[in-house]
Amino acid sequence: MIELHPEFLTKDGQKQFAVLSYEEFLKIKELLEDLEDLRDLRDAKKEDPDNLSVSLSDVKKMLMP
């Protein structure tokens, strides 16, 4: 889990916005992209559950002479 250090901007005593460092923003962006990829993979597996899959190590063996 990443550690965030947000600064909050308030209006009338209520939090309105959270400001993050650019580094923290990039970490969150990368995590969201990874989660989206995982969701896409799971959706694809649901669409065609009978489709055979090949492990990465098996693919490497097939590609190496």
C-alpha atoms as a PDB file:
ATOM      1  CA  MET A   1       0.000   0.000   0.000  1.00  0.00           C
ATOM      2  CA  ILE A   2       1.321   3.414  -0.836  1.00  0.00           C
ATOM      3  CA  GLU A   3       1.535   6.105   1.777  1.00  0.00           C
ATOM      4  CA  LEU A   4      -0.180   9.355   0.847  1.00  0.00           C
ATOM      5  CA  HIS A   5       0.378  12.795   2.288  1.00  0.00           C
ATOM      6  CA  PRO A   6      -2.518  14.893   1.026  1.00  0.00           C
ATOM      7  CA  GLU A   7      -2.993  18.574   1.764  1.00  0.00           C
ATOM      8  CA  PHE A   8      -6.625  19.589   1.968  1.00  0.00           C
ATOM      9  CA  LEU A   9      -8.119  22.796   0.651  1.00  0.00           C
ATOM     10  CA  THR A  10     -11.202  23.869   2.510  1.00  0.00           C
ATOM     11  CA  LYS A  11     -14.121  26.202   1.926  1.00  0.00           C
ATOM     12  CA  ASP A  12     -16.329  27.262   4.808  1.00  0.00           C
ATOM     13  CA  GLY A  13     -14.537  24.748   7.014  1.00  0.00           C
ATOM     14  CA  GLN A  14     -15.363  21.811   4.731  1.00  0.00           C
ATOM     15  CA  LYS A  15     -12.735  19.865   2.783  1.00  0.00           C
ATOM     16  CA  GLN A  16     -13.161  20.572  -0.927  1.00  0.00           C
ATOM     17  CA  PHE A  17      -9.983  19.304  -2.583  1.00  0.00           C
ATOM     18  CA  ALA A  18      -7.044  17.027  -1.825  1.00  0.00           C
ATOM     19  CA  VAL A  19      -3.639  17.999  -3.202  1.00  0.00           C
ATOM     20  CA  LEU A  20      -0.979  15.329  -3.658  1.00  0.00           C
ATOM     21  CA  SER A  21       2.652  15.488  -4.639  1.00  0.00           C
ATOM     22  CA  TYR A  22       3.292  14.643  -8.275  1.00  0.00           C
ATOM     23  CA  GLU A  23       5.151  11.485  -7.210  1.00  0.00           C
ATOM     24  CA  GLU A  24       2.159  10.260  -5.204  1.00  0.00           C
ATOM     25  CA  PHE A  25      -0.154  11.095  -8.099  1.00  0.00           C
ATOM     26  CA  LEU A  26       1.982   8.997 -10.467  1.00  0.00           C
ATOM     27  CA  LYS A  27       1.920   6.046  -8.041  1.00  0.00           C
ATOM     28  CA  ILE A  28      -1.864   6.203  -7.834  1.00  0.00           C
ATOM     29  CA  LYS A  29      -2.141   6.506 -11.614  1.00  0.00           C
ATOM     30  CA  GLU A  30       0.044   3.410 -12.096  1.00  0.00           C
ATOM     31  CA  LEU A  31      -2.016   1.419  -9.576  1.00  0.00           C
ATOM     32  CA  LEU A  32      -5.257   2.403 -11.297  1.00  0.00           C
ATOM     33  CA  GLU A  33      -3.861   1.362 -14.679  1.00  0.00           C
ATOM     34  CA  ASP A  34      -2.818  -2.003 -13.230  1.00  0.00           C
ATOM     35  CA  LEU A  35      -6.282  -2.490 -11.744  1.00  0.00           C
ATOM     36  CA  GLU A  36      -7.877  -1.643 -15.074  1.00  0.00           C
ATOM     37  CA  ASP A  37      -5.662  -4.220 -16.805  1.00  0.00           C
ATOM     38  CA  LEU A  38      -6.643  -6.831 -14.222  1.00  0.00           C
ATOM     39  CA  ARG A  39     -10.330  -6.037 -14.691  1.00  0.00           C
ATOM     40  CA  ASP A  40      -9.957  -6.341 -18.468  1.00  0.00           C
ATOM     41  CA  LEU A  41      -8.230  -9.715 -18.062  1.00  0.00           C
ATOM     42  CA  ARG A  42     -10.951 -11.010 -15.766  1.00  0.00           C
ATOM     43  CA  ASP A  43     -13.654  -9.794 -18.153  1.00  0.00           C
ATOM     44  CA  ALA A  44     -11.934 -11.529 -21.073  1.00  0.00           C
ATOM     45  CA  LYS A  45     -11.727 -14.786 -19.117  1.00  0.00           C
ATOM     46  CA  LYS A  46     -15.448 -14.558 -18.290  1.00  0.00           C
ATOM     47  CA  GLU A  47     -16.321 -14.017 -21.966  1.00  0.00           C
ATOM     48  CA  ASP A  48     -14.494 -17.161 -23.057  1.00  0.00           C
ATOM     49  CA  PRO A  49     -13.960 -19.465 -20.063  1.00  0.00           C
ATOM     50  CA  ASP A  50     -13.105 -22.464 -22.265  1.00  0.00           C
ATOM     51  CA  ASN A  51     -10.211 -20.683 -23.940  1.00  0.00           C
ATOM     52  CA  LEU A  52      -6.920 -22.306 -23.018  1.00  0.00           C
ATOM     53  CA  SER A  53      -4.224 -20.131 -21.538  1.00  0.00           C
ATOM     54  CA  VAL A  54      -0.460 -20.524 -21.663  1.00  0.00           C
ATOM     55  CA  SER A  55       1.865 -19.496 -18.840  1.00  0.00           C
ATOM     56  CA  LEU A  56       4.580 -16.957 -19.460  1.00  0.00           C
ATOM     57  CA  SER A  57       7.277 -19.540 -18.801  1.00  0.00           C
ATOM     58  CA  ASP A  58       5.760 -21.855 -21.434  1.00  0.00           C
ATOM     59  CA  VAL A  59       5.629 -19.017 -23.960  1.00  0.00           C
ATOM     60  CA  LYS A  60       9.299 -18.249 -23.304  1.00  0.00           C
ATOM     61  CA  LYS A  61      10.167 -21.912 -23.890  1.00  0.00           C
ATOM     62  CA  MET A  62       8.264 -21.872 -27.184  1.00  0.00           C
ATOM     63  CA  LEU A  63      10.057 -18.741 -28.354  1.00  0.00           C
ATOM     64  CA  MET A  64      13.581 -19.720 -27.329  1.00  0.00           C
ATOM     65  CA  PRO A  65      15.588 -21.829 -29.775  1.00  0.00           C
END
